[in-house]
Amino acid sequence: MPNLNISYKQFINGCIKATLMLAYMVVGYSIGFSQNYNEIQNNRDKITWLEQKIFDQQKEIDAFKAYVVKTENLEYQMNDLIKRITSLEALIKNRRQ
């Protein structure tokens, strides 16, 4: 049978060491938890900001698409007018001759 001849001072010293080790573990865990929570919150904020940025850019893309459609329509109208002017010029030349 092992000898358990431990003095009162050694017992108290061991309890203090165990308590300090437990306290360090609790503090480390709580710091890690709070850092993880802060990191999660920061990432949520970044995601929200990026979603807003995407929404704004999508609105700009939609406006640009509408502008492109208008421009294509104007180009078609200009080409049609050029054809009409050309045919009118040819008609005028033919009548003068």
PDB file of N, CA and C in Angstrom:
ATOM      1  N   MET A   1       0.842  -1.177   0.000  1.00  0.00           N
ATOM      2  CA  MET A   1       0.000   0.000   0.000  1.00  0.00           C
ATOM      3  C   MET A   1       0.890   1.244   0.000  1.00  0.00           C
ATOM      4  N   PRO A   2       0.565   2.240  -0.909  1.00  0.00           N
ATOM      5  CA  PRO A   2       1.426   3.422  -0.984  1.00  0.00           C
ATOM      6  C   PRO A   2       1.323   4.277   0.273  1.00  0.00           C
ATOM      7  N   ASN A   3       2.380   4.972   0.502  1.00  0.00           N
ATOM      8  CA  ASN A   3       2.445   5.839   1.667  1.00  0.00           C
ATOM      9  C   ASN A   3       1.811   7.177   1.325  1.00  0.00           C
ATOM     10  N   LEU A   4       0.743   7.583   1.985  1.00  0.00           N
ATOM     11  CA  LEU A   4       0.043   8.842   1.740  1.00  0.00           C
ATOM     12  C   LEU A   4       0.398   9.849   2.827  1.00  0.00           C
ATOM     13  N   ASN A   5       1.639   9.962   3.105  1.00  0.00           N
ATOM     14  CA  ASN A   5       2.095  10.856   4.143  1.00  0.00           C
ATOM     15  C   ASN A   5       2.282  12.257   3.549  1.00  0.00           C
ATOM     16  N   ILE A   6       1.168  13.016   3.420  1.00  0.00           N
ATOM     17  CA  ILE A   6       1.188  14.356   2.822  1.00  0.00           C
ATOM     18  C   ILE A   6       0.927  15.359   3.934  1.00  0.00           C
ATOM     19  N   SER A   7       1.737  16.409   3.946  1.00  0.00           N
ATOM     20  CA  SER A   7       1.532  17.417   4.981  1.00  0.00           C
ATOM     21  C   SER A   7       0.388  18.349   4.575  1.00  0.00           C
ATOM     22  N   TYR A   8      -0.106  19.057   5.553  1.00  0.00           N
ATOM     23  CA  TYR A   8      -1.206  19.994   5.330  1.00  0.00           C
ATOM     24  C   TYR A   8      -0.776  21.086   4.357  1.00  0.00           C
ATOM     25  N   LYS A   9       0.455  21.530   4.460  1.00  0.00           N
ATOM     26  CA  LYS A   9       0.992  22.576   3.587  1.00  0.00           C
ATOM     27  C   LYS A   9       1.034  22.092   2.130  1.00  0.00           C
ATOM     28  N   GLN A  10       1.459  20.882   1.909  1.00  0.00           N
ATOM     29  CA  GLN A  10       1.497  20.326   0.551  1.00  0.00           C
ATOM     30  C   GLN A  10       0.087  20.196  -0.024  1.00  0.00           C
ATOM     31  N   PHE A  11      -0.858  19.786   0.814  1.00  0.00           N
ATOM     32  CA  PHE A  11      -2.240  19.656   0.364  1.00  0.00           C
ATOM     33  C   PHE A  11      -2.803  21.011  -0.073  1.00  0.00           C
ATOM     34  N   ILE A  12      -2.596  22.051   0.741  1.00  0.00           N
ATOM     35  CA  ILE A  12      -3.068  23.402   0.411  1.00  0.00           C
ATOM     36  C   ILE A  12      -2.371  23.903  -0.853  1.00  0.00           C
ATOM     37  N   ASN A  13      -1.071  23.665  -0.954  1.00  0.00           N
ATOM     38  CA  ASN A  13      -0.311  24.066  -2.134  1.00  0.00           C
ATOM     39  C   ASN A  13      -0.877  23.383  -3.388  1.00  0.00           C
ATOM     40  N   GLY A  14      -1.177  22.121  -3.321  1.00  0.00           N
ATOM     41  CA  GLY A  14      -1.767  21.395  -4.442  1.00  0.00           C
ATOM     42  C   GLY A  14      -3.146  21.932  -4.808  1.00  0.00           C
ATOM     43  N   CYS A  15      -3.946  22.243  -3.801  1.00  0.00           N
ATOM     44  CA  CYS A  15      -5.285  22.816  -4.069  1.00  0.00           C
ATOM     45  C   CYS A  15      -5.172  24.173  -4.746  1.00  0.00           C
ATOM     46  N   ILE A  16      -4.241  24.989  -4.307  1.00  0.00           N
ATOM     47  CA  ILE A  16      -4.041  26.312  -4.924  1.00  0.00           C
ATOM     48  C   ILE A  16      -3.603  26.155  -6.374  1.00  0.00           C
ATOM     49  N   LYS A  17      -2.676  25.242  -6.632  1.00  0.00           N
ATOM     50  CA  LYS A  17      -2.222  25.010  -8.012  1.00  0.00           C
ATOM     51  C   LYS A  17      -3.370  24.523  -8.883  1.00  0.00           C
ATOM     52  N   ALA A  18      -4.164  23.596  -8.370  1.00  0.00           N
ATOM     53  CA  ALA A  18      -5.305  23.089  -9.142  1.00  0.00           C
ATOM     54  C   ALA A  18      -6.322  24.209  -9.400  1.00  0.00           C
ATOM     55  N   THR A  19      -6.552  25.053  -8.404  1.00  0.00           N
ATOM     56  CA  THR A  19      -7.496  26.164  -8.563  1.00  0.00           C
ATOM     57  C   THR A  19      -6.984  27.159  -9.592  1.00  0.00           C
ATOM     58  N   LEU A  20      -5.693  27.473  -9.543  1.00  0.00           N
ATOM     59  CA  LEU A  20      -5.120  28.399 -10.517  1.00  0.00           C
ATOM     60  C   LEU A  20      -5.192  27.811 -11.930  1.00  0.00           C
ATOM     61  N   MET A  21      -4.896  26.517 -12.059  1.00  0.00           N
ATOM     62  CA  MET A  21      -4.963  25.880 -13.371  1.00  0.00           C
ATOM     63  C   MET A  21      -6.397  25.925 -13.903  1.00  0.00           C
ATOM     64  N   LEU A  22      -7.353  25.652 -13.040  1.00  0.00           N
ATOM     65  CA  LEU A  22      -8.753  25.703 -13.447  1.00  0.00           C
ATOM     66  C   LEU A  22      -9.157  27.133 -13.821  1.00  0.00           C
ATOM     67  N   ALA A  23      -8.680  28.103 -13.061  1.00  0.00           N
ATOM     68  CA  ALA A  23      -8.998  29.508 -13.357  1.00  0.00           C
ATOM     69  C   ALA A  23      -8.413  29.919 -14.707  1.00  0.00           C
ATOM     70  N   TYR A  24      -7.156  29.521 -14.977  1.00  0.00           N
ATOM     71  CA  TYR A  24      -6.551  29.831 -16.274  1.00  0.00           C
ATOM     72  C   TYR A  24      -7.333  29.192 -17.420  1.00  0.00           C
ATOM     73  N   MET A  25      -7.789  27.964 -17.213  1.00  0.00           N
ATOM     74  CA  MET A  25      -8.582  27.301 -18.249  1.00  0.00           C
ATOM     75  C   MET A  25      -9.886  28.057 -18.509  1.00  0.00           C
ATOM     76  N   VAL A  26     -10.559  28.470 -17.432  1.00  0.00           N
ATOM     77  CA  VAL A  26     -11.831  29.192 -17.577  1.00  0.00           C
ATOM     78  C   VAL A  26     -11.609  30.528 -18.273  1.00  0.00           C
ATOM     79  N   VAL A  27     -10.563  31.248 -17.870  1.00  0.00           N
ATOM     80  CA  VAL A  27     -10.265  32.538 -18.510  1.00  0.00           C
ATOM     81  C   VAL A  27      -9.919  32.346 -19.980  1.00  0.00           C
ATOM     82  N   GLY A  28      -9.103  31.350 -20.271  1.00  0.00           N
ATOM     83  CA  GLY A  28      -8.744  31.075 -21.668  1.00  0.00           C
ATOM     84  C   GLY A  28      -9.964  30.710 -22.493  1.00  0.00           C
ATOM     85  N   TYR A  29     -10.829  29.893 -21.951  1.00  0.00           N
ATOM     86  CA  TYR A  29     -12.038  29.498 -22.670  1.00  0.00           C
ATOM     87  C   TYR A  29     -12.940  30.705 -22.907  1.00  0.00           C
ATOM     88  N   SER A  30     -13.103  31.558 -21.876  1.00  0.00           N
ATOM     89  CA  SER A  30     -13.990  32.715 -22.040  1.00  0.00           C
ATOM     90  C   SER A  30     -13.412  33.723 -23.033  1.00  0.00           C
ATOM     91  N   ILE A  31     -12.085  33.906 -23.033  1.00  0.00           N
ATOM     92  CA  ILE A  31     -11.458  34.809 -24.009  1.00  0.00           C
ATOM     93  C   ILE A  31     -11.633  34.246 -25.410  1.00  0.00           C
ATOM     94  N   GLY A  32     -11.393  32.960 -25.564  1.00  0.00           N
ATOM     95  CA  GLY A  32     -11.577  32.335 -26.876  1.00  0.00           C
ATOM     96  C   GLY A  32     -13.016  32.440 -27.343  1.00  0.00           C
ATOM     97  N   PHE A  33     -13.953  32.215 -26.445  1.00  0.00           N
ATOM     98  CA  PHE A  33     -15.364  32.310 -26.799  1.00  0.00           C
ATOM     99  C   PHE A  33     -15.727  33.727 -27.221  1.00  0.00           C
ATOM    100  N   SER A  34     -15.253  34.742 -26.461  1.00  0.00           N
ATOM    101  CA  SER A  34     -15.589  36.123 -26.807  1.00  0.00           C
ATOM    102  C   SER A  34     -14.928  36.537 -28.119  1.00  0.00           C
ATOM    103  N   GLN A  35     -13.706  36.051 -28.382  1.00  0.00           N
ATOM    104  CA  GLN A  35     -13.052  36.361 -29.652  1.00  0.00           C
ATOM    105  C   GLN A  35     -13.799  35.715 -30.809  1.00  0.00           C
ATOM    106  N   ASN A  36     -14.235  34.472 -30.625  1.00  0.00           N
ATOM    107  CA  ASN A  36     -15.020  33.811 -31.667  1.00  0.00           C
ATOM    108  C   ASN A  36     -16.323  34.544 -31.917  1.00  0.00           C
ATOM    109  N   TYR A  37     -16.971  34.991 -30.843  1.00  0.00           N
ATOM    110  CA  TYR A  37     -18.231  35.731 -30.991  1.00  0.00           C
ATOM    111  C   TYR A  37     -17.997  37.034 -31.744  1.00  0.00           C
ATOM    112  N   ASN A  38     -16.921  37.754 -31.386  1.00  0.00           N
ATOM    113  CA  ASN A  38     -16.604  39.007 -32.073  1.00  0.00           C
ATOM    114  C   ASN A  38     -16.278  38.763 -33.540  1.00  0.00           C
ATOM    115  N   GLU A  39     -15.545  37.697 -33.813  1.00  0.00           N
ATOM    116  CA  GLU A  39     -15.204  37.361 -35.199  1.00  0.00           C
ATOM    117  C   GLU A  39     -16.462  37.018 -35.994  1.00  0.00           C
ATOM    118  N   ILE A  40     -17.355  36.260 -35.391  1.00  0.00           N
ATOM    119  CA  ILE A  40     -18.625  35.924 -36.057  1.00  0.00           C
ATOM    120  C   ILE A  40     -19.418  37.187 -36.336  1.00  0.00           C
ATOM    121  N   GLN A  41     -19.475  38.098 -35.365  1.00  0.00           N
ATOM    122  CA  GLN A  41     -20.225  39.342 -35.551  1.00  0.00           C
ATOM    123  C   GLN A  41     -19.592  40.191 -36.648  1.00  0.00           C
ATOM    124  N   ASN A  42     -18.257  40.267 -36.665  1.00  0.00           N
ATOM    125  CA  ASN A  42     -17.578  41.021 -37.716  1.00  0.00           C
ATOM    126  C   ASN A  42     -17.847  40.417 -39.090  1.00  0.00           C
ATOM    127  N   ASN A  43     -17.829  39.085 -39.167  1.00  0.00           N
ATOM    128  CA  ASN A  43     -18.115  38.426 -40.440  1.00  0.00           C
ATOM    129  C   ASN A  43     -19.555  38.666 -40.884  1.00  0.00           C
ATOM    130  N   ARG A  44     -20.475  38.682 -39.931  1.00  0.00           N
ATOM    131  CA  ARG A  44     -21.871  38.996 -40.269  1.00  0.00           C
ATOM    132  C   ARG A  44     -21.982  40.410 -40.819  1.00  0.00           C
ATOM    133  N   ASP A  45     -21.278  41.340 -40.188  1.00  0.00           N
ATOM    134  CA  ASP A  45     -21.292  42.722 -40.668  1.00  0.00           C
ATOM    135  C   ASP A  45     -20.720  42.811 -42.078  1.00  0.00           C
ATOM    136  N   LYS A  46     -19.623  42.085 -42.325  1.00  0.00           N
ATOM    137  CA  LYS A  46     -19.018  42.086 -43.664  1.00  0.00           C
ATOM    138  C   LYS A  46     -19.976  41.487 -44.686  1.00  0.00           C
ATOM    139  N   ILE A  47     -20.652  40.407 -44.312  1.00  0.00           N
ATOM    140  CA  ILE A  47     -21.610  39.772 -45.221  1.00  0.00           C
ATOM    141  C   ILE A  47     -22.750  40.725 -45.541  1.00  0.00           C
ATOM    142  N   THR A  48     -23.253  41.417 -44.539  1.00  0.00           N
ATOM    143  CA  THR A  48     -24.327  42.385 -44.754  1.00  0.00           C
ATOM    144  C   THR A  48     -23.857  43.494 -45.683  1.00  0.00           C
ATOM    145  N   TRP A  49     -22.640  43.991 -45.460  1.00  0.00           N
ATOM    146  CA  TRP A  49     -22.098  45.050 -46.312  1.00  0.00           C
ATOM    147  C   TRP A  49     -21.944  44.554 -47.751  1.00  0.00           C
ATOM    148  N   LEU A  50     -21.428  43.329 -47.913  1.00  0.00           N
ATOM    149  CA  LEU A  50     -21.253  42.769 -49.256  1.00  0.00           C
ATOM    150  C   LEU A  50     -22.598  42.539 -49.948  1.00  0.00           C
ATOM    151  N   GLU A  51     -23.606  42.087 -49.193  1.00  0.00           N
ATOM    152  CA  GLU A  51     -24.931  41.903 -49.784  1.00  0.00           C
ATOM    153  C   GLU A  51     -25.490  43.236 -50.272  1.00  0.00           C
ATOM    154  N   GLN A  52     -25.290  44.298 -49.486  1.00  0.00           N
ATOM    155  CA  GLN A  52     -25.756  45.624 -49.901  1.00  0.00           C
ATOM    156  C   GLN A  52     -25.003  46.086 -51.139  1.00  0.00           C
ATOM    157  N   LYS A  53     -23.695  45.827 -51.173  1.00  0.00           N
ATOM    158  CA  LYS A  53     -22.879  46.192 -52.331  1.00  0.00           C
ATOM    159  C   LYS A  53     -23.368  45.450 -53.577  1.00  0.00           C
ATOM    160  N   ILE A  54     -23.663  44.156 -53.423  1.00  0.00           N
ATOM    161  CA  ILE A  54     -24.162  43.359 -54.544  1.00  0.00           C
ATOM    162  C   ILE A  54     -25.504  43.912 -55.018  1.00  0.00           C
ATOM    163  N   PHE A  55     -26.372  44.265 -54.083  1.00  0.00           N
ATOM    164  CA  PHE A  55     -27.676  44.820 -54.435  1.00  0.00           C
ATOM    165  C   PHE A  55     -27.513  46.126 -55.214  1.00  0.00           C
ATOM    166  N   ASP A  56     -26.618  46.998 -54.735  1.00  0.00           N
ATOM    167  CA  ASP A  56     -26.372  48.271 -55.427  1.00  0.00           C
ATOM    168  C   ASP A  56     -25.811  48.039 -56.823  1.00  0.00           C
ATOM    169  N   GLN A  57     -24.880  47.102 -56.947  1.00  0.00           N
ATOM    170  CA  GLN A  57     -24.292  46.819 -58.255  1.00  0.00           C
ATOM    171  C   GLN A  57     -25.313  46.192 -59.193  1.00  0.00           C
ATOM    172  N   GLN A  58     -26.216  45.375 -58.652  1.00  0.00           N
ATOM    173  CA  GLN A  58     -27.256  44.788 -59.491  1.00  0.00           C
ATOM    174  C   GLN A  58     -28.192  45.875 -60.020  1.00  0.00           C
ATOM    175  N   LYS A  59     -28.478  46.871 -59.173  1.00  0.00           N
ATOM    176  CA  LYS A  59     -29.301  47.993 -59.639  1.00  0.00           C
ATOM    177  C   LYS A  59     -28.587  48.752 -60.749  1.00  0.00           C
ATOM    178  N   GLU A  60     -27.276  48.956 -60.608  1.00  0.00           N
ATOM    179  CA  GLU A  60     -26.505  49.633 -61.648  1.00  0.00           C
ATOM    180  C   GLU A  60     -26.492  48.816 -62.935  1.00  0.00           C
ATOM    181  N   ILE A  61     -26.353  47.504 -62.821  1.00  0.00           N
ATOM    182  CA  ILE A  61     -26.360  46.639 -64.005  1.00  0.00           C
ATOM    183  C   ILE A  61     -27.707  46.706 -64.702  1.00  0.00           C
ATOM    184  N   ASP A  62     -28.789  46.669 -63.922  1.00  0.00           N
ATOM    185  CA  ASP A  62     -30.125  46.751 -64.516  1.00  0.00           C
ATOM    186  C   ASP A  62     -30.328  48.089 -65.228  1.00  0.00           C
ATOM    187  N   ALA A  63     -29.858  49.176 -64.610  1.00  0.00           N
ATOM    188  CA  ALA A  63     -29.975  50.492 -65.239  1.00  0.00           C
ATOM    189  C   ALA A  63     -29.149  50.541 -66.521  1.00  0.00           C
ATOM    190  N   PHE A  64     -27.965  49.935 -66.497  1.00  0.00           N
ATOM    191  CA  PHE A  64     -27.119  49.913 -67.688  1.00  0.00           C
ATOM    192  C   PHE A  64     -27.755  49.085 -68.797  1.00  0.00           C
ATOM    193  N   LYS A  65     -28.379  47.959 -68.442  1.00  0.00           N
ATOM    194  CA  LYS A  65     -29.069  47.145 -69.443  1.00  0.00           C
ATOM    195  C   LYS A  65     -30.204  47.936 -70.095  1.00  0.00           C
ATOM    196  N   ALA A  66     -30.956  48.686 -69.284  1.00  0.00           N
ATOM    197  CA  ALA A  66     -32.032  49.517 -69.829  1.00  0.00           C
ATOM    198  C   ALA A  66     -31.453  50.579 -70.757  1.00  0.00           C
ATOM    199  N   TYR A  67     -30.304  51.148 -70.376  1.00  0.00           N
ATOM    200  CA  TYR A  67     -29.653  52.151 -71.213  1.00  0.00           C
ATOM    201  C   TYR A  67     -29.198  51.534 -72.534  1.00  0.00           C
ATOM    202  N   VAL A  68     -28.669  50.314 -72.467  1.00  0.00           N
ATOM    203  CA  VAL A  68     -28.219  49.628 -73.681  1.00  0.00           C
ATOM    204  C   VAL A  68     -29.397  49.381 -74.616  1.00  0.00           C
ATOM    205  N   VAL A  69     -30.523  48.972 -74.054  1.00  0.00           N
ATOM    206  CA  VAL A  69     -31.712  48.740 -74.873  1.00  0.00           C
ATOM    207  C   VAL A  69     -32.148  50.042 -75.540  1.00  0.00           C
ATOM    208  N   LYS A  70     -32.139  51.137 -74.787  1.00  0.00           N
ATOM    209  CA  LYS A  70     -32.509  52.434 -75.367  1.00  0.00           C
ATOM    210  C   LYS A  70     -31.527  52.831 -76.463  1.00  0.00           C
ATOM    211  N   THR A  71     -30.239  52.592 -76.211  1.00  0.00           N
ATOM    212  CA  THR A  71     -29.218  52.946 -77.194  1.00  0.00           C
ATOM    213  C   THR A  71     -29.383  52.124 -78.466  1.00  0.00           C
ATOM    214  N   GLU A  72     -29.651  50.826 -78.302  1.00  0.00           N
ATOM    215  CA  GLU A  72     -29.862  49.984 -79.476  1.00  0.00           C
ATOM    216  C   GLU A  72     -31.090  50.447 -80.254  1.00  0.00           C
ATOM    217  N   ASN A  73     -32.123  50.844 -79.533  1.00  0.00           N
ATOM    218  CA  ASN A  73     -33.331  51.346 -80.177  1.00  0.00           C
ATOM    219  C   ASN A  73     -33.033  52.646 -80.926  1.00  0.00           C
ATOM    220  N   LEU A  74     -32.270  53.535 -80.290  1.00  0.00           N
ATOM    221  CA  LEU A  74     -31.898  54.795 -80.948  1.00  0.00           C
ATOM    222  C   LEU A  74     -31.026  54.529 -82.171  1.00  0.00           C
ATOM    223  N   GLU A  75     -30.122  53.559 -82.075  1.00  0.00           N
ATOM    224  CA  GLU A  75     -29.270  53.214 -83.209  1.00  0.00           C
ATOM    225  C   GLU A  75     -30.129  52.699 -84.369  1.00  0.00           C
ATOM    226  N   TYR A  76     -31.101  51.872 -84.054  1.00  0.00           N
ATOM    227  CA  TYR A  76     -32.004  51.364 -85.089  1.00  0.00           C
ATOM    228  C   TYR A  76     -32.777  52.522 -85.730  1.00  0.00           C
ATOM    229  N   GLN A  77     -33.260  53.433 -84.891  1.00  0.00           N
ATOM    230  CA  GLN A  77     -34.006  54.588 -85.417  1.00  0.00           C
ATOM    231  C   GLN A  77     -33.108  55.471 -86.273  1.00  0.00           C
ATOM    232  N   MET A  78     -31.848  55.672 -85.832  1.00  0.00           N
ATOM    233  CA  MET A  78     -30.926  56.495 -86.617  1.00  0.00           C
ATOM    234  C   MET A  78     -30.637  55.845 -87.970  1.00  0.00           C
ATOM    235  N   ASN A  79     -30.418  54.536 -87.968  1.00  0.00           N
ATOM    236  CA  ASN A  79     -30.178  53.837 -89.230  1.00  0.00           C
ATOM    237  C   ASN A  79     -31.395  53.945 -90.147  1.00  0.00           C
ATOM    238  N   ASP A  80     -32.578  53.842 -89.561  1.00  0.00           N
ATOM    239  CA  ASP A  80     -33.806  53.984 -90.348  1.00  0.00           C
ATOM    240  C   ASP A  80     -33.908  55.393 -90.929  1.00  0.00           C
ATOM    241  N   LEU A  81     -33.583  56.400 -90.115  1.00  0.00           N
ATOM    242  CA  LEU A  81     -33.620  57.786 -90.611  1.00  0.00           C
ATOM    243  C   LEU A  81     -32.583  58.010 -91.711  1.00  0.00           C
ATOM    244  N   ILE A  82     -31.401  57.431 -91.545  1.00  0.00           N
ATOM    245  CA  ILE A  82     -30.366  57.567 -92.575  1.00  0.00           C
ATOM    246  C   ILE A  82     -30.846  56.954 -93.887  1.00  0.00           C
ATOM    247  N   LYS A  83     -31.477  55.786 -93.793  1.00  0.00           N
ATOM    248  CA  LYS A  83     -32.017  55.153 -95.003  1.00  0.00           C
ATOM    249  C   LYS A  83     -33.082  56.036 -95.642  1.00  0.00           C
ATOM    250  N   ARG A  84     -33.953  56.615 -94.837  1.00  0.00           N
ATOM    251  CA  ARG A  84     -35.009  57.495 -95.379  1.00  0.00           C
ATOM    252  C   ARG A  84     -34.408  58.735 -96.028  1.00  0.00           C
ATOM    253  N   ILE A  85     -33.418  59.325 -95.342  1.00  0.00           N
ATOM    254  CA  ILE A  85     -32.777  60.528 -95.896  1.00  0.00           C
ATOM    255  C   ILE A  85     -32.089  60.183 -97.209  1.00  0.00           C
ATOM    256  N   THR A  86     -31.409  59.048 -97.235  1.00  0.00           N
ATOM    257  CA  THR A  86     -30.728  58.624 -98.463  1.00  0.00           C
ATOM    258  C   THR A  86     -31.726  58.410 -99.597  1.00  0.00           C
ATOM    259  N   SER A  87     -32.834  57.766 -99.271  1.00  0.00           N
ATOM    260  CA  SER A  87     -33.837  57.543-100.320  1.00  0.00           C
ATOM    261  C   SER A  87     -34.487  58.862-100.750  1.00  0.00           C
ATOM    262  N   LEU A  88     -34.682  59.779 -99.816  1.00  0.00           N
ATOM    263  CA  LEU A  88     -35.235  61.095-100.189  1.00  0.00           C
ATOM    264  C   LEU A  88     -34.245  61.878-101.041  1.00  0.00           C
ATOM    265  N   GLU A  89     -32.959  61.816-100.708  1.00  0.00           N
ATOM    266  CA  GLU A  89     -31.950  62.495-101.522  1.00  0.00           C
ATOM    267  C   GLU A  89     -31.931  61.918-102.935  1.00  0.00           C
ATOM    268  N   ALA A  90     -32.030  60.590-103.025  1.00  0.00           N
ATOM    269  CA  ALA A  90     -32.048  59.967-104.346  1.00  0.00           C
ATOM    270  C   ALA A  90     -33.299  60.368-105.103  1.00  0.00           C
ATOM    271  N   LEU A  91     -34.423  60.454-104.428  1.00  0.00           N
ATOM    272  CA  LEU A  91     -35.676  60.868-105.065  1.00  0.00           C
ATOM    273  C   LEU A  91     -35.576  62.308-105.557  1.00  0.00           C
ATOM    274  N   ILE A  92     -34.958  63.181-104.729  1.00  0.00           N
ATOM    275  CA  ILE A  92     -34.800  64.581-105.125  1.00  0.00           C
ATOM    276  C   ILE A  92     -33.875  64.682-106.351  1.00  0.00           C
ATOM    277  N   LYS A  93     -32.788  63.919-106.344  1.00  0.00           N
ATOM    278  CA  LYS A  93     -31.869  63.923-107.497  1.00  0.00           C
ATOM    279  C   LYS A  93     -32.579  63.449-108.754  1.00  0.00           C
ATOM    280  N   ASN A  94     -33.399  62.428-108.624  1.00  0.00           N
ATOM    281  CA  ASN A  94     -34.136  61.898-109.763  1.00  0.00           C
ATOM    282  C   ASN A  94     -35.154  62.907-110.303  1.00  0.00           C
ATOM    283  N   ARG A  95     -35.768  63.673-109.454  1.00  0.00           N
ATOM    284  CA  ARG A  95     -36.772  64.663-109.904  1.00  0.00           C
ATOM    285  C   ARG A  95     -36.084  65.858-110.557  1.00  0.00           C
ATOM    286  N   ARG A  96     -34.871  66.202-110.113  1.00  0.00           N
ATOM    287  CA  ARG A  96     -34.165  67.329-110.702  1.00  0.00           C
ATOM    288  C   ARG A  96     -33.662  66.988-112.111  1.00  0.00           C
ATOM    289  N   GLN A  97     -33.443  65.773-112.352  1.00  0.00           N
ATOM    290  CA  GLN A  97     -32.883  65.392-113.651  1.00  0.00           C
ATOM    291  C   GLN A  97     -33.909  65.346-114.698  1.00  0.00           C
TER     292      GLN A  97
END
